[in-house]
Amino acid sequence: MTARRAVLDGLARDDDILEVLSGLVPLHPRNDTFPGEVFLHLAADALEWCGASRAEPLALEGLRERFLPECAFRGRQDA
């Protein structure tokens, strides 16, 4: 299992976020800034994990309400 997959699985199990993020440590190159491509790969894994495809994209309508009902956002939410 890749570290990225471990992060996604931890999020799906609602594990402690600090423990989940520790799964990214192996992806961090020594003496370098954290590369953006790590997050691109994580996003791609997340889309694969949820079964999204070009033919059947992830429905964005109501996404926040379904997955983050406890979060309140302020500011330009619907811009």
C-alpha atoms as a PDB file:
ATOM      1  CA  MET A   1       0.000   0.000   0.000  1.00  0.00           C
ATOM      2  CA  THR A   2       1.320   3.414  -0.912  1.00  0.00           C
ATOM      3  CA  ALA A   3       1.522   6.227   1.618  1.00  0.00           C
ATOM      4  CA  ARG A   4      -1.031   8.126  -0.450  1.00  0.00           C
ATOM      5  CA  ARG A   5      -3.442   5.205  -0.286  1.00  0.00           C
ATOM      6  CA  ALA A   6      -2.833   4.938   3.459  1.00  0.00           C
ATOM      7  CA  VAL A   7      -3.803   8.615   3.819  1.00  0.00           C
ATOM      8  CA  LEU A   8      -7.028   8.091   1.855  1.00  0.00           C
ATOM      9  CA  ASP A   9      -7.905   4.961   3.793  1.00  0.00           C
ATOM     10  CA  GLY A  10      -7.247   6.766   7.082  1.00  0.00           C
ATOM     11  CA  LEU A  11      -9.518   9.623   6.047  1.00  0.00           C
ATOM     12  CA  ALA A  12     -12.219   7.142   5.050  1.00  0.00           C
ATOM     13  CA  ARG A  13     -11.980   5.502   8.503  1.00  0.00           C
ATOM     14  CA  ASP A  14     -12.126   8.946  10.168  1.00  0.00           C
ATOM     15  CA  ASP A  15      -8.742   8.328  11.829  1.00  0.00           C
ATOM     16  CA  ASP A  16      -6.976  11.091  13.739  1.00  0.00           C
ATOM     17  CA  ILE A  17      -5.780  13.632  11.153  1.00  0.00           C
ATOM     18  CA  LEU A  18      -2.246  13.856  12.587  1.00  0.00           C
ATOM     19  CA  GLU A  19      -1.873  10.091  12.296  1.00  0.00           C
ATOM     20  CA  VAL A  20      -3.276  10.194   8.768  1.00  0.00           C
ATOM     21  CA  LEU A  21      -0.846  12.907   7.702  1.00  0.00           C
ATOM     22  CA  SER A  22       2.076  10.912   9.031  1.00  0.00           C
ATOM     23  CA  GLY A  23       1.430   8.675   6.005  1.00  0.00           C
ATOM     24  CA  LEU A  24       2.794  11.480   3.834  1.00  0.00           C
ATOM     25  CA  VAL A  25       6.178  11.548   5.583  1.00  0.00           C
ATOM     26  CA  PRO A  26       7.723   8.857   3.337  1.00  0.00           C
ATOM     27  CA  LEU A  27       6.841  10.976   0.292  1.00  0.00           C
ATOM     28  CA  HIS A  28       8.751  14.040   1.499  1.00  0.00           C
ATOM     29  CA  PRO A  29      12.180  14.242  -0.169  1.00  0.00           C
ATOM     30  CA  ARG A  30      15.023  14.866   2.265  1.00  0.00           C
ATOM     31  CA  ASN A  31      16.434  18.434   2.198  1.00  0.00           C
ATOM     32  CA  ASP A  32      13.795  19.609  -0.269  1.00  0.00           C
ATOM     33  CA  THR A  33      10.500  21.444  -0.203  1.00  0.00           C
ATOM     34  CA  PHE A  34       7.381  19.319  -0.248  1.00  0.00           C
ATOM     35  CA  PRO A  35       6.561  18.799  -3.935  1.00  0.00           C
ATOM     36  CA  GLY A  36       3.179  19.784  -5.304  1.00  0.00           C
ATOM     37  CA  GLU A  37       3.082  16.633  -7.394  1.00  0.00           C
ATOM     38  CA  VAL A  38       2.594  14.622  -4.189  1.00  0.00           C
ATOM     39  CA  PHE A  39      -0.748  16.369  -3.722  1.00  0.00           C
ATOM     40  CA  LEU A  40      -1.619  15.866  -7.400  1.00  0.00           C
ATOM     41  CA  HIS A  41      -1.001  12.133  -7.003  1.00  0.00           C
ATOM     42  CA  LEU A  42      -3.018  12.132  -3.766  1.00  0.00           C
ATOM     43  CA  ALA A  43      -5.898  13.853  -5.575  1.00  0.00           C
ATOM     44  CA  ALA A  44      -5.701  11.348  -8.434  1.00  0.00           C
ATOM     45  CA  ASP A  45      -5.750   8.479  -5.931  1.00  0.00           C
ATOM     46  CA  ALA A  46      -8.765  10.053  -4.202  1.00  0.00           C
ATOM     47  CA  LEU A  47     -10.655  10.291  -7.489  1.00  0.00           C
ATOM     48  CA  GLU A  48      -9.782   6.682  -8.314  1.00  0.00           C
ATOM     49  CA  TRP A  49     -10.778   5.582  -4.789  1.00  0.00           C
ATOM     50  CA  CYS A  50     -14.228   7.179  -5.092  1.00  0.00           C
ATOM     51  CA  GLY A  51     -14.788   5.668  -8.526  1.00  0.00           C
ATOM     52  CA  ALA A  52     -14.849   8.928 -10.462  1.00  0.00           C
ATOM     53  CA  SER A  53     -14.035   8.866 -14.156  1.00  0.00           C
ATOM     54  CA  ARG A  54     -14.493  11.058 -17.207  1.00  0.00           C
ATOM     55  CA  ALA A  55     -17.602   9.057 -18.027  1.00  0.00           C
ATOM     56  CA  GLU A  56     -18.934   9.290 -14.449  1.00  0.00           C
ATOM     57  CA  PRO A  57     -17.429  12.367 -12.764  1.00  0.00           C
ATOM     58  CA  LEU A  58     -17.742  13.067  -9.054  1.00  0.00           C
ATOM     59  CA  ALA A  59     -20.938  15.022  -8.364  1.00  0.00           C
ATOM     60  CA  LEU A  60     -19.857  18.314  -6.784  1.00  0.00           C
ATOM     61  CA  GLU A  61     -23.333  19.491  -5.866  1.00  0.00           C
ATOM     62  CA  GLY A  62     -23.811  19.019  -2.121  1.00  0.00           C
ATOM     63  CA  LEU A  63     -20.268  17.703  -1.661  1.00  0.00           C
ATOM     64  CA  ARG A  64     -19.536  19.886   1.362  1.00  0.00           C
ATOM     65  CA  GLU A  65     -22.846  19.020   3.012  1.00  0.00           C
ATOM     66  CA  ARG A  66     -22.254  15.282   2.519  1.00  0.00           C
ATOM     67  CA  PHE A  67     -18.657  15.106   3.668  1.00  0.00           C
ATOM     68  CA  LEU A  68     -18.109  18.177   5.884  1.00  0.00           C
ATOM     69  CA  PRO A  69     -21.468  18.847   7.550  1.00  0.00           C
ATOM     70  CA  GLU A  70     -19.772  19.995  10.748  1.00  0.00           C
ATOM     71  CA  CYS A  71     -17.742  22.713   9.013  1.00  0.00           C
ATOM     72  CA  ALA A  72     -18.972  26.267   8.710  1.00  0.00           C
ATOM     73  CA  PHE A  73     -17.404  28.432   6.023  1.00  0.00           C
ATOM     74  CA  ARG A  74     -17.370  32.215   5.855  1.00  0.00           C
ATOM     75  CA  GLY A  75     -16.598  34.677   3.137  1.00  0.00           C
ATOM     76  CA  ARG A  76     -16.926  34.102  -0.580  1.00  0.00           C
ATOM     77  CA  GLN A  77     -18.465  30.655  -0.431  1.00  0.00           C
ATOM     78  CA  ASP A  78     -20.656  30.781  -3.498  1.00  0.00           C
ATOM     79  CA  ALA A  79     -18.600  33.029  -5.764  1.00  0.00           C
END
